[in-house]
Amino acid sequence: MEVFKNVTDSVTKAVNFVVDKNRRAAIINRLKIVIRNEKEIQARSYIELGKYYYDNMRDSTNERTEPLCVAVDNADRRLKRAFMKLDEMMVPAGVDDEEEVCGDECACAECASDDGDDFFRTFSAEPDGADEAAADDPIL
C-alpha cells in the first residue's frame, strides 16, 4: 500500500508541476499580447499627436522640430510624385481610352480575357526604354 501511495503522490506532484508550468506560460503569453497591443496603441497615439502638432502647432523657429516638419513636407511631396508616376505607368503606352487599337489577331492580355483580369498579370511596369527614362527621372 505504501508503494501505491508514493507512486500516487509522485504522479500528483508531476501533474501539478505541469499544470502550474502551463498556467504560467499562458499568463506570460497573455501579458506579451497586452504589451504588444499597448505598444501599438502608444505608437498610434504618438503619430496622431505628431500630426496634430504638424497641422496646428508647427513653429518654424523651433530648431528641434522644424527639421522633422520639413522632412514630412519632403516625404509628402515625393509620395505625391510617386503616386502620379504610378498612375502614368498603369496606363499602357500609346493607348487612348476612346480609341480601339487591337485587330482581329491581337494577342494582348485585354483581348485574351473578356473581363480584363489577366491584364495586370501580364502588364510590364517598365516600358521600352525605361533605362533612359529612369536616368532622367529622380523618382526611379
C-alpha atoms as a PDB file:
ATOM      1  CA  MET A   1       0.000   0.000   0.000  1.00  0.00           C
ATOM      2  CA  GLU A   2       2.823   2.356   0.839  1.00  0.00           C
ATOM      3  CA  VAL A   3       4.275   1.907  -2.658  1.00  0.00           C
ATOM      4  CA  PHE A   4       0.985   2.868  -4.301  1.00  0.00           C
ATOM      5  CA  LYS A   5       0.751   5.946  -2.093  1.00  0.00           C
ATOM      6  CA  ASN A   6       4.293   7.015  -3.032  1.00  0.00           C
ATOM      7  CA  VAL A   7       3.584   6.444  -6.738  1.00  0.00           C
ATOM      8  CA  THR A   8       0.300   8.363  -6.472  1.00  0.00           C
ATOM      9  CA  ASP A   9       1.994  11.260  -4.688  1.00  0.00           C
ATOM     10  CA  SER A  10       4.768  11.352  -7.285  1.00  0.00           C
ATOM     11  CA  VAL A  11       2.286  11.341 -10.172  1.00  0.00           C
ATOM     12  CA  THR A  12       0.177  14.044  -8.476  1.00  0.00           C
ATOM     13  CA  LYS A  13       3.263  16.235  -7.963  1.00  0.00           C
ATOM     14  CA  ALA A  14       4.301  15.758 -11.597  1.00  0.00           C
ATOM     15  CA  VAL A  15       0.814  16.621 -12.869  1.00  0.00           C
ATOM     16  CA  ASN A  16       0.620  19.679 -10.613  1.00  0.00           C
ATOM     17  CA  PHE A  17       4.052  20.787 -11.835  1.00  0.00           C
ATOM     18  CA  VAL A  18       2.949  20.507 -15.480  1.00  0.00           C
ATOM     19  CA  VAL A  19      -0.341  22.303 -14.763  1.00  0.00           C
ATOM     20  CA  ASP A  20       1.464  25.144 -12.989  1.00  0.00           C
ATOM     21  CA  LYS A  21       4.016  25.385 -15.783  1.00  0.00           C
ATOM     22  CA  ASN A  22       1.261  25.573 -18.429  1.00  0.00           C
ATOM     23  CA  ARG A  23      -0.703  28.127 -16.392  1.00  0.00           C
ATOM     24  CA  ARG A  24       2.443  30.242 -16.030  1.00  0.00           C
ATOM     25  CA  ALA A  25       3.152  30.002 -19.789  1.00  0.00           C
ATOM     26  CA  ALA A  26      -0.438  31.031 -20.580  1.00  0.00           C
ATOM     27  CA  ILE A  27      -0.191  34.072 -18.300  1.00  0.00           C
ATOM     28  CA  ILE A  28       3.151  35.038 -19.836  1.00  0.00           C
ATOM     29  CA  ASN A  29       1.646  34.776 -23.340  1.00  0.00           C
ATOM     30  CA  ARG A  30      -1.339  36.916 -22.325  1.00  0.00           C
ATOM     31  CA  LEU A  31       0.994  39.532 -20.846  1.00  0.00           C
ATOM     32  CA  LYS A  32       3.043  39.588 -24.059  1.00  0.00           C
ATOM     33  CA  ILE A  33      -0.153  40.176 -26.058  1.00  0.00           C
ATOM     34  CA  VAL A  34      -1.182  43.001 -23.728  1.00  0.00           C
ATOM     35  CA  ILE A  35       2.277  44.581 -24.008  1.00  0.00           C
ATOM     36  CA  ARG A  36       2.259  44.344 -27.815  1.00  0.00           C
ATOM     37  CA  ASN A  37      -1.238  45.855 -28.040  1.00  0.00           C
ATOM     38  CA  GLU A  38      -0.362  48.689 -25.674  1.00  0.00           C
ATOM     39  CA  LYS A  39       2.791  49.468 -27.665  1.00  0.00           C
ATOM     40  CA  GLU A  40       0.701  49.658 -30.853  1.00  0.00           C
ATOM     41  CA  ILE A  41      -1.803  51.975 -29.153  1.00  0.00           C
ATOM     42  CA  GLN A  42       1.067  54.110 -27.883  1.00  0.00           C
ATOM     43  CA  ALA A  43       2.671  54.290 -31.336  1.00  0.00           C
ATOM     44  CA  ARG A  44      -0.639  55.284 -32.971  1.00  0.00           C
ATOM     45  CA  SER A  45      -1.154  57.934 -30.290  1.00  0.00           C
ATOM     46  CA  TYR A  46       2.321  59.363 -30.893  1.00  0.00           C
ATOM     47  CA  ILE A  47       1.604  59.504 -34.606  1.00  0.00           C
ATOM     48  CA  GLU A  48      -1.706  61.293 -34.055  1.00  0.00           C
ATOM     49  CA  LEU A  49      -0.020  63.694 -31.638  1.00  0.00           C
ATOM     50  CA  GLY A  50       2.655  64.422 -34.225  1.00  0.00           C
ATOM     51  CA  LYS A  51       0.040  65.008 -36.920  1.00  0.00           C
ATOM     52  CA  TYR A  52      -1.788  67.410 -34.618  1.00  0.00           C
ATOM     53  CA  TYR A  53       1.428  69.292 -33.891  1.00  0.00           C
ATOM     54  CA  TYR A  54       2.337  69.399 -37.589  1.00  0.00           C
ATOM     55  CA  ASP A  55      -1.114  70.649 -38.629  1.00  0.00           C
ATOM     56  CA  ASN A  56      -1.888  73.045 -35.764  1.00  0.00           C
ATOM     57  CA  MET A  57       1.154  73.978 -33.706  1.00  0.00           C
ATOM     58  CA  ARG A  58       4.068  73.990 -36.150  1.00  0.00           C
ATOM     59  CA  ASP A  59       6.660  76.586 -35.196  1.00  0.00           C
ATOM     60  CA  SER A  60       9.184  77.419 -37.909  1.00  0.00           C
ATOM     61  CA  THR A  61      11.520  78.991 -35.325  1.00  0.00           C
ATOM     62  CA  ASN A  62      11.813  75.795 -33.281  1.00  0.00           C
ATOM     63  CA  GLU A  63      15.206  74.342 -34.222  1.00  0.00           C
ATOM     64  CA  ARG A  64      14.358  70.922 -32.827  1.00  0.00           C
ATOM     65  CA  THR A  65      11.062  70.216 -34.560  1.00  0.00           C
ATOM     66  CA  GLU A  66      11.328  72.175 -37.808  1.00  0.00           C
ATOM     67  CA  PRO A  67      13.756  69.708 -39.486  1.00  0.00           C
ATOM     68  CA  LEU A  68      11.241  66.944 -38.777  1.00  0.00           C
ATOM     69  CA  CYS A  69       8.398  69.010 -40.229  1.00  0.00           C
ATOM     70  CA  VAL A  70      10.492  69.746 -43.320  1.00  0.00           C
ATOM     71  CA  ALA A  71      11.184  66.011 -43.660  1.00  0.00           C
ATOM     72  CA  VAL A  72       7.414  65.377 -43.548  1.00  0.00           C
ATOM     73  CA  ASP A  73       6.885  68.049 -46.225  1.00  0.00           C
ATOM     74  CA  ASN A  74       9.551  66.487 -48.445  1.00  0.00           C
ATOM     75  CA  ALA A  75       8.193  62.967 -47.964  1.00  0.00           C
ATOM     76  CA  ASP A  76       4.674  64.171 -48.782  1.00  0.00           C
ATOM     77  CA  ARG A  77       5.896  65.833 -51.970  1.00  0.00           C
ATOM     78  CA  ARG A  78       7.814  62.693 -53.009  1.00  0.00           C
ATOM     79  CA  LEU A  79       4.776  60.496 -52.264  1.00  0.00           C
ATOM     80  CA  LYS A  80       2.555  62.663 -54.448  1.00  0.00           C
ATOM     81  CA  ARG A  81       5.067  62.484 -57.305  1.00  0.00           C
ATOM     82  CA  ALA A  82       5.400  58.716 -56.895  1.00  0.00           C
ATOM     83  CA  PHE A  83       1.618  58.248 -56.979  1.00  0.00           C
ATOM     84  CA  MET A  84       1.375  60.419 -60.090  1.00  0.00           C
ATOM     85  CA  LYS A  85       4.113  58.362 -61.746  1.00  0.00           C
ATOM     86  CA  LEU A  86       2.367  55.136 -60.734  1.00  0.00           C
ATOM     87  CA  ASP A  87      -0.872  56.387 -62.288  1.00  0.00           C
ATOM     88  CA  GLU A  88       1.012  57.168 -65.506  1.00  0.00           C
ATOM     89  CA  MET A  89       2.631  53.734 -65.542  1.00  0.00           C
ATOM     90  CA  MET A  90      -0.675  51.927 -65.089  1.00  0.00           C
ATOM     91  CA  VAL A  91      -1.923  53.192 -68.469  1.00  0.00           C
ATOM     92  CA  PRO A  92      -0.414  51.242 -71.390  1.00  0.00           C
ATOM     93  CA  ALA A  93       1.730  53.427 -73.618  1.00  0.00           C
ATOM     94  CA  GLY A  94       0.062  54.624 -76.837  1.00  0.00           C
ATOM     95  CA  VAL A  95      -3.479  53.543 -75.955  1.00  0.00           C
ATOM     96  CA  ASP A  96      -6.256  56.112 -75.641  1.00  0.00           C
ATOM     97  CA  ASP A  97      -9.397  55.250 -73.726  1.00  0.00           C
ATOM     98  CA  GLU A  98     -11.687  56.155 -76.660  1.00  0.00           C
ATOM     99  CA  GLU A  99      -9.622  54.596 -79.453  1.00  0.00           C
ATOM    100  CA  GLU A 100      -9.620  50.871 -80.314  1.00  0.00           C
ATOM    101  CA  VAL A 101      -6.145  49.751 -81.477  1.00  0.00           C
ATOM    102  CA  CYS A 102      -6.482  45.987 -81.443  1.00  0.00           C
ATOM    103  CA  GLY A 103      -7.101  43.909 -84.548  1.00  0.00           C
ATOM    104  CA  ASP A 104      -8.669  40.508 -85.116  1.00  0.00           C
ATOM    105  CA  GLU A 105      -5.471  38.571 -84.370  1.00  0.00           C
ATOM    106  CA  CYS A 106      -4.433  40.591 -81.325  1.00  0.00           C
ATOM    107  CA  ALA A 107      -2.717  38.643 -78.554  1.00  0.00           C
ATOM    108  CA  CYS A 108      -2.715  41.376 -75.900  1.00  0.00           C
ATOM    109  CA  ALA A 109      -3.911  40.481 -72.438  1.00  0.00           C
ATOM    110  CA  GLU A 110      -7.015  42.683 -72.634  1.00  0.00           C
ATOM    111  CA  CYS A 111      -8.244  40.921 -75.783  1.00  0.00           C
ATOM    112  CA  ALA A 112      -7.385  37.462 -74.451  1.00  0.00           C
ATOM    113  CA  SER A 113      -9.682  37.924 -71.479  1.00  0.00           C
ATOM    114  CA  ASP A 114     -13.234  39.242 -71.658  1.00  0.00           C
ATOM    115  CA  ASP A 115     -13.111  40.732 -68.175  1.00  0.00           C
ATOM    116  CA  GLY A 116      -9.509  42.027 -68.367  1.00  0.00           C
ATOM    117  CA  ASP A 117      -8.335  40.205 -65.221  1.00  0.00           C
ATOM    118  CA  ASP A 118      -5.201  38.934 -66.959  1.00  0.00           C
ATOM    119  CA  PHE A 119      -4.145  42.443 -67.919  1.00  0.00           C
ATOM    120  CA  PHE A 120      -2.362  43.158 -64.641  1.00  0.00           C
ATOM    121  CA  ARG A 121      -0.628  39.782 -64.590  1.00  0.00           C
ATOM    122  CA  THR A 122       0.985  40.320 -67.989  1.00  0.00           C
ATOM    123  CA  PHE A 123       1.449  44.095 -67.898  1.00  0.00           C
ATOM    124  CA  SER A 124       5.079  45.099 -67.679  1.00  0.00           C
ATOM    125  CA  ALA A 125       5.621  48.015 -65.311  1.00  0.00           C
ATOM    126  CA  GLU A 126       8.658  49.103 -67.320  1.00  0.00           C
ATOM    127  CA  PRO A 127       8.013  50.258 -70.893  1.00  0.00           C
ATOM    128  CA  ASP A 128      10.606  50.059 -73.635  1.00  0.00           C
ATOM    129  CA  GLY A 129      13.452  52.476 -72.963  1.00  0.00           C
ATOM    130  CA  ALA A 130      12.795  52.549 -69.219  1.00  0.00           C
ATOM    131  CA  ASP A 131      16.523  52.675 -68.542  1.00  0.00           C
ATOM    132  CA  GLU A 132      16.878  56.051 -70.293  1.00  0.00           C
ATOM    133  CA  ALA A 133      13.769  57.386 -68.565  1.00  0.00           C
ATOM    134  CA  ALA A 134      14.987  56.160 -65.183  1.00  0.00           C
ATOM    135  CA  ALA A 135      18.225  58.102 -65.524  1.00  0.00           C
ATOM    136  CA  ASP A 136      16.281  61.355 -66.102  1.00  0.00           C
ATOM    137  CA  ASP A 137      13.560  60.739 -63.515  1.00  0.00           C
ATOM    138  CA  PRO A 138      14.591  61.227 -59.852  1.00  0.00           C
ATOM    139  CA  ILE A 139      11.695  59.080 -58.580  1.00  0.00           C
ATOM    140  CA  LEU A 140      13.035  55.919 -60.124  1.00  0.00           C
END
